[in-house]
């Protein structure tokens, strides 16, 4: 870790904000830039927290973040302020892959995501929100590559199959969950309401970080939305 960043993190956690400001004032512009870049790199690649990746995805997709871990990740208003206000909610699944020290990737992106501690009750609740949207995004070494948006209902078949396998009788005991309900682009590619909101080009630059099938799918979506591009 950058020594200046290390010092500032400890200072921020243990000293007054005035002391932090004094320490920042002592750094040259070059040192400040290097420290900020290292902080962004550290935060965006954090395997234990997706907070910043979620925020970036929401911001670019035009949603407002919702604070807290429970409930949905973001919302946007679907009616002018002069009319009855209506919020459209979304779930964000930002997946990051990174290059290890030996140059290999931690994973290849497949347009997927996962729901933690999922239940049949949660599925019915989510399906009950007819306009609930999914935002699926992919990052490589903290750099945003794509954002896809589609109705949550496009995942119903996949999630029902996983829940049926976990709870064959359709019933579950207290504190029993489907720990990881994962999906890939194959589970929503037939949905006719998938929108490509962001794609960092040239896509060939990210080939090693995407599965071949998913890369081809992104190209198809791009061509469909921009046929003359």
Protein backbone atom coordinates (compact mmCIF):
# COMPACT_ATOMS: atom_id res chain seq x y z
CA UNK A 1 0.00 0.00 0.00
CA UNK A 2 1.12 3.56 -0.72
CA UNK A 3 2.88 4.78 2.45
CA UNK A 4 1.10 8.15 2.37
CA UNK A 5 -2.25 6.38 2.04
CA UNK A 6 -1.37 4.03 4.87
CA UNK A 7 -0.44 6.98 7.08
CA UNK A 8 -3.60 8.94 6.21
CA UNK A 9 -5.91 5.97 6.85
CA UNK A 10 -4.45 5.43 10.32
CA UNK A 11 -4.51 9.16 10.99
CA UNK A 12 -8.16 9.45 9.90
CA UNK A 13 -9.15 6.55 12.16
CA UNK A 14 -7.25 7.68 15.24
CA UNK A 15 -6.79 11.46 15.16
CA UNK A 16 -8.82 14.61 14.69
CA UNK A 17 -10.00 15.80 11.29
CA UNK A 18 -7.83 18.90 11.76
CA UNK A 19 -4.72 16.72 11.97
CA UNK A 20 -5.80 14.91 8.82
CA UNK A 21 -6.17 18.24 7.00
CA UNK A 22 -2.70 19.31 8.14
CA UNK A 23 -1.22 16.05 6.85
CA UNK A 24 -2.94 16.51 3.49
CA UNK A 25 -1.67 20.08 3.24
CA UNK A 26 1.90 18.82 3.64
CA UNK A 27 1.64 16.54 0.61
CA UNK A 28 2.71 17.72 -2.84
CA UNK A 29 0.22 17.65 -5.70
CA UNK A 30 1.96 14.61 -7.17
CA UNK A 31 1.79 12.78 -3.84
CA UNK A 32 -1.89 13.65 -3.43
CA UNK A 33 -2.68 12.37 -6.93
CA UNK A 34 -0.78 9.12 -6.34
CA UNK A 35 -2.47 8.63 -2.97
CA UNK A 36 -5.95 9.25 -4.37
CA UNK A 37 -5.39 6.86 -7.29
CA UNK A 38 -4.17 4.17 -4.88
CA UNK A 39 -7.22 4.71 -2.67
CA UNK A 40 -9.61 4.43 -5.64
CA UNK A 41 -7.82 1.32 -6.88
CA UNK A 42 -8.00 -0.27 -3.43
CA UNK A 43 -11.67 0.57 -2.93
CA UNK A 44 -12.89 -0.40 -6.41
CA UNK A 45 -11.14 -3.78 -6.21
CA UNK A 46 -12.22 -4.57 -2.66
CA UNK A 47 -13.44 -8.17 -2.69
CA UNK A 48 -15.39 -7.69 0.55
CA UNK A 49 -17.36 -4.59 -0.39
CA UNK A 50 -19.17 -3.64 -3.58
CA UNK A 51 -20.42 -0.27 -2.28
CA UNK A 52 -18.47 1.93 -4.70
CA UNK A 53 -19.14 -0.36 -7.67
CA UNK A 54 -22.86 -0.26 -6.82
CA UNK A 55 -22.82 3.55 -6.60
CA UNK A 56 -21.06 3.93 -9.97
CA UNK A 57 -23.54 1.54 -11.61
CA UNK A 58 -26.54 3.35 -10.13
CA UNK A 59 -25.22 6.79 -11.06
CA UNK A 60 -24.57 5.92 -14.71
CA UNK A 61 -27.91 4.10 -15.00
CA UNK A 62 -29.80 7.11 -13.65
CA UNK A 63 -30.87 5.73 -10.25
CA UNK A 64 -30.51 7.16 -6.75
CA UNK A 65 -28.80 4.94 -4.17
CA UNK A 66 -30.71 3.69 -1.13
CA UNK A 67 -28.72 3.66 2.08
CA UNK A 68 -28.46 0.45 4.08
CA UNK A 69 -27.95 -3.22 3.29
CA UNK A 70 -31.56 -4.37 3.48
CA UNK A 71 -34.07 -3.86 0.69
CA UNK A 72 -33.29 -2.65 -2.82
CA UNK A 73 -30.17 -0.82 -3.93
CA UNK A 74 -31.63 2.14 -5.81
CA UNK A 75 -34.66 3.91 -7.22
CA UNK A 76 -35.72 6.49 -9.77
CA UNK A 77 -38.87 8.51 -10.13
CA UNK A 78 -41.09 7.51 -13.03
CA UNK A 79 -43.49 10.45 -12.91
CA UNK A 80 -43.00 14.25 -12.96
CA UNK A 81 -43.00 15.89 -9.54
CA UNK A 82 -46.35 17.55 -10.34
CA UNK A 83 -48.00 14.14 -10.68
CA UNK A 84 -48.28 11.32 -8.18
CA UNK A 85 -44.72 10.32 -7.42
CA UNK A 86 -43.84 6.74 -8.20
CA UNK A 87 -40.54 5.03 -7.46
CA UNK A 88 -39.07 2.32 -9.62
CA UNK A 89 -36.65 0.16 -7.63
CA UNK A 90 -33.64 -1.81 -8.76
CA UNK A 91 -31.26 -4.52 -7.61
CA UNK A 92 -27.60 -4.00 -8.53
CA UNK A 93 -25.20 -6.87 -9.14
CA UNK A 94 -21.73 -5.41 -9.81
CA UNK A 95 -19.11 -8.09 -10.46
CA UNK A 96 -15.39 -7.31 -10.45
CA UNK A 97 -12.52 -9.38 -11.79
CA UNK A 98 -8.88 -8.53 -11.35
CA UNK A 99 -5.50 -9.61 -12.62
CA UNK A 100 -3.41 -11.44 -10.05
CA UNK A 101 0.30 -10.84 -9.63
CA UNK A 102 1.05 -13.61 -12.15
CA UNK A 103 -1.21 -11.97 -14.77
CA UNK A 104 -4.07 -14.47 -14.53
CA UNK A 105 -7.64 -13.35 -13.89
CA UNK A 106 -9.56 -14.10 -10.73
CA UNK A 107 -12.60 -14.93 -12.92
CA UNK A 108 -14.08 -14.29 -16.35
CA UNK A 109 -17.20 -12.15 -16.51
CA UNK A 110 -20.33 -13.84 -17.84
CA UNK A 111 -22.98 -11.17 -17.27
CA UNK A 112 -24.00 -12.84 -14.06
CA UNK A 113 -24.53 -12.12 -10.42
CA UNK A 114 -25.84 -13.74 -7.27
CA UNK A 115 -28.48 -13.22 -4.58
CA UNK A 116 -27.41 -14.05 -1.03
CA UNK A 117 -29.64 -15.89 1.45
CA UNK A 118 -32.55 -16.12 -0.97
CA UNK A 119 -35.96 -17.59 -0.07
CA UNK A 120 -39.26 -18.45 -1.79
CA UNK A 121 -40.85 -15.61 0.16
CA UNK A 122 -38.31 -13.13 -1.13
CA UNK A 123 -38.92 -14.28 -4.70
CA UNK A 124 -42.65 -13.66 -4.40
CA UNK A 125 -42.00 -10.25 -2.85
CA UNK A 126 -39.64 -9.29 -5.68
CA UNK A 127 -42.02 -10.54 -8.36
CA UNK A 128 -44.78 -8.55 -6.66
CA UNK A 129 -42.97 -5.37 -7.66
CA UNK A 130 -43.91 -5.51 -11.33
CA UNK A 131 -41.43 -2.81 -12.35
CA UNK A 132 -38.42 -4.02 -10.33
CA UNK A 133 -35.31 -3.76 -12.49
CA UNK A 134 -31.96 -5.52 -12.46
CA UNK A 135 -28.70 -3.66 -13.09
CA UNK A 136 -25.88 -6.08 -13.91
CA UNK A 137 -22.44 -4.54 -14.29
CA UNK A 138 -18.93 -5.81 -14.85
CA UNK A 139 -15.61 -4.31 -13.75
CA UNK A 140 -12.08 -5.33 -14.70
CA UNK A 141 -9.40 -4.20 -12.24
CA UNK A 142 -11.94 -1.63 -11.01
CA UNK A 143 -12.68 -0.30 -14.50
CA UNK A 144 -16.34 -0.38 -15.55
CA UNK A 145 -16.85 -2.39 -18.75
CA UNK A 146 -20.63 -2.85 -19.07
CA UNK A 147 -24.04 -2.22 -17.50
CA UNK A 148 -27.13 -4.18 -18.51
CA UNK A 149 -30.67 -3.41 -17.37
CA UNK A 150 -33.63 -5.78 -17.52
CA UNK A 151 -36.82 -6.59 -15.56
CA UNK A 152 -36.31 -8.80 -12.52
CA UNK A 153 -39.02 -11.10 -13.90
CA UNK A 154 -36.55 -12.25 -16.56
CA UNK A 155 -34.82 -14.26 -13.82
CA UNK A 156 -37.97 -15.92 -12.48
CA UNK A 157 -37.41 -19.28 -14.17
CA UNK A 158 -33.79 -19.52 -12.99
CA UNK A 159 -34.58 -18.52 -9.40
CA UNK A 160 -37.60 -20.83 -9.13
CA UNK A 161 -35.49 -23.77 -10.32
CA UNK A 162 -32.77 -23.03 -7.75
CA UNK A 163 -35.28 -22.61 -4.93
CA UNK A 164 -37.09 -25.82 -5.87
CA UNK A 165 -33.79 -27.71 -5.74
CA UNK A 166 -32.96 -26.23 -2.33
CA UNK A 167 -36.50 -26.60 -0.92
CA UNK A 168 -38.08 -29.59 -2.79
CA UNK A 169 -41.24 -29.53 -0.65
CA UNK A 170 -41.69 -25.82 -1.13
CA UNK A 171 -41.34 -25.29 2.61
CA UNK A 172 -38.35 -24.10 4.61
CA UNK A 173 -37.51 -24.02 8.28
CA UNK A 174 -36.59 -20.86 10.13
CA UNK A 175 -33.07 -19.67 9.26
CA UNK A 176 -32.87 -21.92 6.19
CA UNK A 177 -31.83 -20.10 3.02
CA UNK A 178 -30.54 -20.61 -0.47
CA UNK A 179 -27.12 -19.16 0.32
CA UNK A 180 -26.21 -18.25 -3.24
CA UNK A 181 -28.74 -17.92 -6.08
CA UNK A 182 -26.46 -17.32 -9.03
CA UNK A 183 -27.27 -16.55 -12.64
CA UNK A 184 -25.47 -15.73 -15.90
CA UNK A 185 -26.49 -13.92 -19.09
CA UNK A 186 -27.92 -17.20 -20.39
CA UNK A 187 -30.74 -16.87 -17.88
CA UNK A 188 -31.99 -13.54 -19.29
CA UNK A 189 -30.66 -13.40 -22.85
CA UNK A 190 -34.05 -14.39 -24.30
CA UNK A 191 -35.75 -11.52 -22.48
CA UNK A 192 -36.79 -8.89 -25.04
CA UNK A 193 -36.38 -6.01 -22.59
CA UNK A 194 -32.64 -6.19 -21.96
CA UNK A 195 -30.96 -2.80 -22.45
CA UNK A 196 -27.26 -2.14 -22.82
CA UNK A 197 -26.74 1.04 -20.80
CA UNK A 198 -22.96 1.19 -20.95
CA UNK A 199 -20.14 -0.52 -22.84
CA UNK A 200 -16.53 0.60 -22.67
CA UNK A 201 -15.01 0.14 -26.11
CA UNK A 202 -13.15 -1.23 -27.90
CA UNK A 203 -14.63 -4.42 -26.51
CA UNK A 204 -11.66 -6.36 -27.92
CA UNK A 205 -9.58 -4.78 -25.16
CA UNK A 206 -11.58 -6.77 -22.58
CA UNK A 207 -11.70 -10.10 -24.43
CA UNK A 208 -9.60 -11.97 -21.91
CA UNK A 209 -11.91 -10.88 -19.08
CA UNK A 210 -15.19 -11.97 -20.74
CA UNK A 211 -16.42 -15.41 -21.66
CA UNK A 212 -16.65 -15.79 -25.44
CA UNK A 213 -20.42 -16.31 -25.40
CA UNK A 214 -21.03 -13.26 -23.27
CA UNK A 215 -18.72 -11.10 -25.36
CA UNK A 216 -20.68 -12.09 -28.48
CA UNK A 217 -23.92 -11.29 -26.67
CA UNK A 218 -22.68 -7.79 -25.80
CA UNK A 219 -21.70 -7.22 -29.42
CA UNK A 220 -25.18 -8.33 -30.54
CA UNK A 221 -26.83 -5.93 -28.12
CA UNK A 222 -24.56 -3.10 -29.21
CA UNK A 223 -25.34 -3.71 -32.89
CA UNK A 224 -29.06 -3.97 -32.17
CA UNK A 225 -29.16 -0.65 -30.33
CA UNK A 226 -26.75 1.13 -32.68
CA UNK A 227 -27.16 -0.62 -36.07
CA UNK A 228 -25.24 2.09 -37.93
CA UNK A 229 -22.40 2.37 -35.42
